Protein backbone atom coordinates (compact mmCIF):
# COMPACT_ATOMS: atom_id res chain seq x y z
CA MET A 1 -15.66 -26.39 8.79
CA LYS A 2 -13.68 -23.12 8.87
CA LEU A 3 -10.53 -22.46 10.83
CA PHE A 4 -11.01 -20.06 13.73
CA ASP A 5 -9.60 -16.84 12.30
CA VAL A 6 -7.24 -15.50 14.97
CA TYR A 7 -3.98 -15.20 12.99
CA PRO A 8 -3.12 -12.46 10.48
CA LEU A 9 -1.58 -14.61 7.76
CA ASN A 10 0.93 -14.02 4.99
CA ASN A 11 -0.46 -15.53 1.80
CA LEU A 12 2.26 -18.20 1.67
CA THR A 13 2.41 -21.95 2.09
CA ILE A 14 5.79 -23.26 3.25
CA ASP A 15 6.25 -26.96 2.53
CA ARG A 16 10.01 -27.52 2.82
CA ALA A 17 12.83 -26.21 5.01
CA GLN A 18 16.55 -26.73 5.51
CA GLY A 19 18.98 -24.81 7.71
CA ALA A 20 18.23 -21.08 7.45
CA TYR A 21 16.00 -21.42 4.38
CA VAL A 22 12.38 -22.37 3.67
CA TRP A 23 10.64 -22.98 0.33
CA ASP A 24 7.02 -22.33 -0.58
CA ASN A 25 4.77 -24.64 -2.57
CA ASN A 26 5.91 -22.93 -5.78
CA GLY A 27 9.56 -23.69 -5.04
CA VAL A 28 10.47 -20.10 -4.10
CA GLN A 29 13.29 -19.90 -1.52
CA TYR A 30 13.15 -17.61 1.53
CA LEU A 31 15.81 -16.70 4.09
CA ASP A 32 14.39 -17.21 7.57
CA MET A 33 15.63 -14.50 9.93
CA TYR A 34 12.81 -15.10 12.41
CA GLY A 35 12.79 -18.84 13.04
CA GLY A 36 9.07 -19.01 13.72
CA HIS A 37 9.21 -16.81 16.85
CA ALA A 38 12.74 -17.95 17.91
CA VAL A 39 11.77 -21.62 17.75
CA ILE A 40 14.33 -22.80 15.19
CA SER A 41 17.50 -22.98 17.27
CA ILE A 42 19.73 -25.40 15.34
CA GLY A 43 18.36 -24.87 11.83
CA HIS A 44 15.33 -26.30 10.05
CA THR A 45 15.27 -30.11 9.70
CA HIS A 46 18.80 -30.55 11.05
CA PRO A 47 19.87 -34.10 10.02
CA HIS A 48 20.80 -35.22 13.55
CA TRP A 49 17.49 -33.92 14.92
CA VAL A 50 15.49 -35.64 12.16
CA THR A 51 17.34 -38.93 12.63
CA SER A 52 16.86 -38.85 16.41
CA ILE A 53 13.11 -38.33 16.09
CA LYS A 54 12.77 -41.07 13.45
CA LYS A 55 14.72 -43.57 15.56
CA GLN A 56 12.62 -42.81 18.62
CA LEU A 57 9.40 -43.03 16.63
CA ASP A 58 10.31 -46.58 15.65
CA LYS A 59 10.62 -47.49 19.36
CA ILE A 60 7.88 -45.64 21.26
CA ALA A 61 6.45 -42.15 20.77
CA PHE A 62 4.46 -41.75 23.96
CA TYR A 63 3.61 -43.10 27.34
CA SER A 64 2.45 -41.10 30.32
CA ASN A 65 4.43 -39.92 33.34
CA SER A 66 3.18 -42.91 35.32
CA ILE A 67 6.34 -44.81 34.31
CA VAL A 68 10.09 -44.21 34.36
CA ILE A 69 11.20 -42.49 31.13
CA PRO A 70 15.03 -42.62 31.06
CA LEU A 71 15.15 -40.05 28.25
CA GLN A 72 13.93 -37.45 30.76
CA GLN A 73 16.96 -37.98 32.99
CA GLN A 74 19.25 -38.00 29.95
CA LEU A 75 17.79 -34.64 28.92
CA ALA A 76 18.15 -33.29 32.46
CA ASN A 77 21.81 -34.32 32.62
CA LEU A 78 22.69 -32.71 29.31
CA LEU A 79 20.67 -29.58 30.10
CA GLY A 80 22.46 -29.23 33.43
CA GLU A 81 25.83 -29.60 31.74
CA LEU A 82 25.22 -26.99 29.03
CA SER A 83 23.39 -24.48 31.24
CA GLY A 84 25.72 -24.82 34.22
CA LYS A 85 22.71 -25.39 36.51
CA THR A 86 23.74 -28.91 37.46
CA ASP A 87 22.13 -28.83 40.91
CA PHE A 88 18.73 -27.64 39.62
CA GLN A 89 15.68 -29.87 39.07
CA LEU A 90 13.75 -30.26 35.79
CA PHE A 91 10.00 -30.34 35.23
CA LEU A 92 8.92 -30.91 31.64
CA CYS A 93 5.80 -29.61 29.90
CA ASN A 94 4.79 -28.64 26.37
CA SER A 95 5.07 -24.88 25.79
CA GLY A 96 6.34 -21.57 27.12
CA ALA A 97 2.97 -20.59 28.49
CA GLU A 98 2.78 -23.86 30.43
CA ALA A 99 6.32 -23.36 31.68
CA ASN A 100 5.50 -19.92 33.07
CA GLU A 101 2.14 -21.14 34.39
CA ASN A 102 3.86 -23.88 36.36
CA ALA A 103 6.65 -21.55 37.51
CA LEU A 104 4.13 -19.09 38.96
CA LYS A 105 2.06 -21.87 40.52
CA LEU A 106 5.16 -23.43 42.08
CA ALA A 107 6.25 -20.06 43.50
CA SER A 108 2.85 -19.68 45.15
CA PHE A 109 2.99 -23.21 46.55
CA HIS A 110 6.51 -22.64 47.89
CA THR A 111 5.86 -19.27 49.52
CA GLY A 112 2.20 -19.62 50.43
CA ARG A 113 1.63 -16.18 48.88
CA LYS A 114 -0.48 -14.78 46.02
CA LYS A 115 1.12 -11.58 44.70
CA VAL A 116 3.35 -11.54 41.61
CA ILE A 117 5.46 -8.69 40.26
CA ALA A 118 5.61 -8.40 36.47
CA PHE A 119 6.71 -5.55 34.22
CA SER A 120 5.53 -3.18 31.53
CA LYS A 121 5.63 -4.63 27.99
CA SER A 122 6.05 -8.14 29.40
CA PHE A 123 4.78 -11.22 27.59
CA HIS A 124 4.63 -14.53 29.44
CA GLY A 125 2.03 -16.58 27.56
CA ARG A 126 -1.70 -17.08 27.07
CA THR A 127 -2.69 -19.53 29.80
CA SER A 128 -4.49 -18.20 32.86
CA LEU A 129 -1.68 -17.08 35.19
CA ALA A 130 0.80 -16.40 32.39
CA VAL A 131 -1.56 -14.07 30.54
CA ALA A 132 -2.51 -12.32 33.78
CA ALA A 133 1.18 -11.45 34.15
CA THR A 134 1.36 -10.22 30.54
CA ASP A 135 1.10 -6.49 29.88
CA ASN A 136 -1.46 -6.62 27.06
CA PRO A 137 -5.10 -6.07 28.10
CA SER A 138 -6.36 -7.05 24.63
CA ILE A 139 -5.48 -10.73 25.19
CA ILE A 140 -6.64 -10.95 28.81
CA ALA A 141 -10.19 -12.32 29.03
CA PRO A 142 -12.39 -11.21 31.95
CA VAL A 143 -11.91 -14.60 33.59
CA ASN A 144 -8.13 -14.03 33.58
CA GLU A 145 -8.31 -10.67 35.33
CA THR A 146 -6.79 -10.70 38.81
CA SER A 147 -5.62 -8.30 41.47
CA HIS A 148 -2.69 -10.59 42.30
CA VAL A 149 -0.32 -9.18 39.64
CA ILE A 150 1.49 -5.89 40.21
CA PHE A 151 2.92 -4.30 37.05
CA LEU A 152 6.00 -2.11 37.44
CA PRO A 153 8.08 -0.15 34.90
CA PHE A 154 10.74 -2.36 33.33
CA ASN A 155 14.31 -1.69 34.51
CA ASP A 156 13.07 0.76 37.17
CA GLU A 157 15.08 -0.09 40.28
CA ALA A 158 13.41 2.52 42.49
CA ALA A 159 9.92 1.25 41.66
CA LEU A 160 10.95 -2.35 42.40
CA THR A 161 12.48 -1.42 45.75
CA ASP A 162 9.46 0.65 46.70
CA CYS A 163 7.07 -2.17 45.81
CA PHE A 164 8.94 -4.65 47.98
CA ASN A 165 9.07 -2.13 50.83
CA ASN A 166 5.27 -1.83 50.69
CA HIS A 167 4.20 -5.36 49.74
CA GLY A 168 7.23 -7.57 50.33
CA GLN A 169 5.54 -10.01 52.72
CA ASP A 170 2.83 -10.70 50.12
CA ILE A 171 5.07 -11.23 47.08
CA ALA A 172 5.36 -14.83 45.89
CA ALA A 173 7.51 -14.13 42.83
CA VAL A 174 9.00 -11.68 40.40
CA ILE A 175 8.77 -12.86 36.78
CA VAL A 176 11.01 -11.14 34.25
CA GLU A 177 12.33 -11.74 30.74
CA GLY A 178 16.09 -11.41 30.36
CA ILE A 179 15.38 -9.61 27.10
CA GLN A 180 11.79 -8.70 26.35
CA GLY A 181 10.83 -10.22 23.01
CA VAL A 182 7.26 -9.29 22.13
CA GLY A 183 7.89 -6.04 24.01
CA GLY A 184 10.44 -4.99 21.38
CA ILE A 185 13.86 -6.57 22.18
CA ILE A 186 14.43 -4.63 25.40
CA PRO A 187 17.25 -6.06 27.55
CA ALA A 188 16.95 -6.13 31.33
CA SER A 189 19.98 -4.39 32.81
CA PRO A 190 22.34 -6.59 34.85
CA ALA A 191 21.89 -4.23 37.81
CA PHE A 192 18.10 -4.62 37.61
CA LEU A 193 18.35 -8.43 37.57
CA ARG A 194 20.75 -8.37 40.52
CA LEU A 195 18.32 -6.15 42.43
CA ILE A 196 15.51 -8.64 41.76
CA ARG A 197 17.72 -11.35 43.27
CA THR A 198 18.53 -9.20 46.31
CA GLN A 199 14.92 -8.18 46.96
CA CYS A 200 13.63 -11.74 46.55
CA ASP A 201 16.24 -12.97 49.02
CA GLN A 202 15.37 -10.26 51.52
CA TYR A 203 11.61 -10.87 51.41
CA GLY A 204 11.47 -14.62 50.75
CA ALA A 205 10.07 -14.35 47.20
CA LEU A 206 11.15 -16.36 44.16
CA TYR A 207 12.90 -14.96 41.10
CA ILE A 208 11.43 -16.47 37.91
CA ALA A 209 13.63 -15.99 34.84
CA ASP A 210 11.39 -16.18 31.79
CA SER A 211 13.82 -17.60 29.23
CA VAL A 212 11.24 -18.91 26.77
CA GLN A 213 12.41 -16.65 23.94
CA CYS A 214 15.75 -15.32 25.21
CA GLY A 215 17.13 -18.62 26.49
CA TYR A 216 18.74 -21.72 25.03
CA GLY A 217 21.93 -20.02 23.89
CA ARG A 218 20.29 -17.35 21.76
CA THR A 219 22.10 -14.44 23.41
CA GLY A 220 25.55 -16.05 23.50
CA GLN A 221 24.95 -17.34 27.03
CA PHE A 222 22.68 -20.25 27.83
CA PHE A 223 20.23 -17.94 29.60
CA ALA A 224 20.09 -14.20 28.88
CA HIS A 225 19.71 -13.67 32.63
CA ASP A 226 23.20 -15.08 33.19
CA ILE A 227 24.67 -11.69 32.26
CA ALA A 228 23.83 -10.59 35.82
CA GLU A 229 25.94 -13.42 37.31
CA VAL A 230 23.26 -14.42 39.81
CA ASN A 231 20.97 -17.45 39.75
CA ALA A 232 17.22 -17.26 39.48
CA ASP A 233 15.08 -19.69 41.49
CA ILE A 234 13.16 -20.91 38.42
CA TYR A 235 14.03 -20.70 34.71
CA SER A 236 11.26 -21.23 32.17
CA MET A 237 12.13 -22.62 28.73
CA ALA A 238 10.42 -23.65 25.50
CA LYS A 239 10.75 -22.27 21.94
CA GLY A 240 14.31 -23.26 20.91
CA MET A 241 14.21 -26.28 23.21
CA GLY A 242 12.72 -28.63 20.60
CA ASN A 243 13.63 -26.85 17.33
CA GLY A 244 9.97 -27.01 16.36
CA PHE A 245 8.89 -30.07 18.32
CA PRO A 246 6.58 -28.93 21.16
CA ILE A 247 8.37 -29.09 24.49
CA GLY A 248 8.85 -26.76 27.44
CA GLY A 249 10.15 -26.94 30.95
CA ILE A 250 11.27 -25.23 34.10
CA LEU A 251 14.58 -25.52 35.91
CA ILE A 252 13.95 -25.40 39.66
CA ALA A 253 16.50 -24.48 42.33
CA PRO A 254 17.44 -27.23 44.81
CA HIS A 255 15.90 -25.44 47.81
CA ILE A 256 12.39 -25.80 46.32
CA GLN A 257 10.94 -29.12 47.39
CA ALA A 258 8.78 -31.34 45.18
CA LYS A 259 5.63 -33.12 46.37
CA HIS A 260 3.66 -35.75 44.48
CA GLY A 261 0.74 -34.18 42.65
CA MET A 262 2.07 -30.62 43.03
CA LEU A 263 2.54 -30.25 39.25
CA GLY A 264 1.51 -32.51 36.41
CA THR A 265 1.10 -32.93 32.67
CA THR A 266 -0.11 -35.60 30.29
CA PHE A 267 2.15 -35.00 27.32
CA GLY A 268 5.07 -33.21 28.96
CA GLY A 269 8.38 -35.06 28.76
CA ASN A 270 7.09 -37.76 26.43
CA HIS A 271 9.57 -40.01 24.63
CA LEU A 272 9.44 -38.24 21.27
CA ALA A 273 9.71 -34.74 22.76
CA CYS A 274 12.72 -35.76 24.85
CA ALA A 275 14.42 -37.30 21.83
CA ALA A 276 13.97 -34.03 19.93
CA ALA A 277 15.22 -31.92 22.86
CA ILE A 278 18.27 -34.13 23.46
CA ALA A 279 19.16 -33.86 19.77
CA VAL A 280 18.95 -30.06 19.99
CA LEU A 281 21.36 -29.93 22.92
CA GLU A 282 23.74 -32.36 21.24
CA VAL A 283 23.87 -30.17 18.13
CA ILE A 284 24.30 -26.99 20.21
CA GLN A 285 27.20 -28.65 22.00
CA GLN A 286 28.87 -30.32 19.02
CA GLU A 287 28.58 -27.32 16.68
CA GLN A 288 29.39 -24.76 19.42
CA LEU A 289 26.27 -22.80 18.54
CA ILE A 290 26.22 -20.66 21.69
CA SER A 291 29.57 -19.06 20.86
CA MET A 292 28.48 -18.94 17.20
CA ALA A 293 25.36 -16.98 18.17
CA LYS A 294 27.47 -14.50 20.13
CA GLN A 295 29.92 -13.94 17.29
CA ARG A 296 27.30 -13.76 14.54
CA GLY A 297 25.14 -11.45 16.63
CA MET A 298 28.00 -9.03 17.24
CA TYR A 299 28.72 -8.96 13.51
CA LEU A 300 25.08 -8.35 12.59
CA MET A 301 24.62 -5.60 15.17
CA ASN A 302 27.81 -3.78 14.15
CA GLN A 303 26.74 -3.87 10.51
CA LEU A 304 23.18 -2.80 11.30
CA LYS A 305 24.39 0.20 13.29
CA ALA A 306 26.15 1.48 10.17
CA ILE A 307 22.99 1.40 8.02
CA ASP A 308 21.17 4.70 7.50
CA GLY A 309 17.39 4.55 7.70
CA ILE A 310 17.02 2.37 10.81
CA GLU A 311 17.43 3.38 14.44
CA ASN A 312 18.27 2.09 17.92
CA VAL A 313 19.84 -1.27 17.08
CA ARG A 314 19.86 -3.40 20.24
CA GLY A 315 19.93 -6.91 21.64
CA ARG A 316 22.50 -9.61 22.30
CA GLY A 317 23.60 -12.57 20.26
CA LEU A 318 20.96 -13.55 17.72
CA MET A 319 18.15 -11.72 19.48
CA ILE A 320 18.25 -8.35 17.76
CA GLY A 321 15.80 -5.51 17.28
CA PHE A 322 15.84 -2.14 15.59
CA ASP A 323 13.34 0.67 15.13
CA THR A 324 12.00 1.87 11.81
CA PRO A 325 10.83 5.48 11.40
CA ASP A 326 7.34 6.13 10.03
CA SER A 327 8.78 6.55 6.54
CA MET A 328 10.03 2.94 6.73
CA LYS A 329 6.92 1.29 8.16
CA GLY A 330 6.54 -0.94 5.07
CA LEU A 331 10.04 -2.38 5.46
CA LYS A 332 9.08 -5.76 6.96
CA LYS A 333 6.47 -6.37 4.27
CA LEU A 334 8.87 -5.37 1.49
CA LEU A 335 11.60 -7.67 2.83
CA LEU A 336 9.19 -10.59 2.62
CA GLU A 337 7.38 -9.82 -0.63
CA LYS A 338 10.28 -8.57 -2.78
CA TYR A 339 13.41 -9.95 -1.12
CA ASN A 340 12.03 -13.25 0.24
CA ILE A 341 13.20 -12.71 3.80
CA PHE A 342 11.17 -13.51 6.93
CA THR A 343 11.61 -11.13 9.87
CA GLY A 344 9.52 -10.48 12.96
CA GLU A 345 8.05 -7.34 14.43
CA ALA A 346 6.92 -5.70 17.63
CA LYS A 347 4.29 -2.99 17.50
CA PRO A 348 4.43 -0.25 16.52
CA ASN A 349 7.75 0.01 14.68
CA VAL A 350 10.28 -2.65 15.70
CA ILE A 351 11.77 -5.31 13.43
CA ARG A 352 12.91 -8.40 15.31
CA LEU A 353 15.60 -10.82 14.17
CA LEU A 354 15.59 -14.30 15.76
CA PRO A 355 17.29 -16.61 13.26
CA SER A 356 18.77 -20.05 13.83
CA LEU A 357 21.87 -20.05 16.03
CA ALA A 358 23.63 -21.74 13.10
CA LEU A 359 23.19 -18.70 10.84
CA SER A 360 26.27 -18.40 8.63
CA ARG A 361 28.26 -15.26 7.84
CA LYS A 362 27.15 -15.59 4.22
CA GLN A 363 23.50 -15.71 5.26
CA ALA A 364 23.96 -12.72 7.54
CA ASP A 365 25.46 -10.78 4.62
CA GLU A 366 22.60 -11.92 2.39
CA PHE A 367 20.17 -10.35 4.85
CA LEU A 368 22.21 -7.15 5.26
CA ASP A 369 22.48 -6.63 1.50
CA ALA A 370 18.74 -7.13 1.04
CA LEU A 371 17.98 -4.79 3.94
CA LYS A 372 20.07 -2.01 2.39
CA GLU A 373 18.36 -2.49 -0.97
CA ALA A 374 14.90 -2.48 0.60
CA ILE A 375 15.66 0.72 2.51
CA SER A 376 16.92 2.30 -0.71
CA ASP A 377 13.72 1.21 -2.51
CA ILE A 378 11.55 2.92 0.08
CA GLN A 379 13.67 6.06 0.17
CA ASN A 380 13.65 6.37 -3.63
CA ASN A 381 9.89 5.85 -3.80
CA THR A 382 9.21 8.55 -1.19
CA ALA A 383 11.76 11.08 -2.42
């Protein structure tokens, strides 16, 4: 049997990882500045995380949501403490797509409406509703096509106001990333996020803060949306939540009422997933990784802005992007193949940095030195 060929793969096999580094099956070490799409929040195979999972595995790995699972409440308490959303409610699932799917479904249940506002270059997942609200026709199957989603220009306050003026009574929700990830590390302006809050309040819609990639402390705040100093109605989470163990969830404002059967999941919030997620929050708290991400991100961005050959450095915390001119389009590949550094990208010309929140100053300098050398290589070869 063959694997279904949907991923463009680097010809590498990684079989060991620790902190900010991974090693291939030949023992070659790589610096991971991408964290598997922002998944590695506390560092690969963090000892406390590994121990917590092993201990839980010796007790019970799984039972369904037909019983009380105290670990779920323990996770909710710690999540409320670190995020500051202590009066919110938690629903657990398995991935970012599921989190956004349930957020959109819940908004429709709550409002009794069908229309959703999403934005250009958005990415919210690959399940039915989530992909319909994603601005990428190439991944939307005919069965996912719907007239219920209205796409507006990102950060365009006039377009948002006009849409609510014309369709406000039909809008169930606005879904927005605090910083667009797949779209190219594009931050939402605080004023734009505040306007979303104001318009949703005025017309009875829900504000969904997609925090799957930009949440969990990555930007130096627990949620990137917090820069606007207003609360969303629903926050979606996943990626960094389990440090590689599949888990997702939504935080739900207290005014949204639950009803039995409204949402559901088989695997969401299972014992092992909760143990992993609790360990992540404990490490974030104990090692002060949110403030670490802010400091390290500021250092990286300041250094990047001084490097000739790249353009438009942007982001917050350890969610950073920069543009490469056409002459540098082989930079990402060169960083991996010659300098053993994993980075991400966004088409057509953005390099994305999403390392562990525990990235050290030494590791940041290791990346910066390699980046300068790689740029020099390209420039010398094209001179």
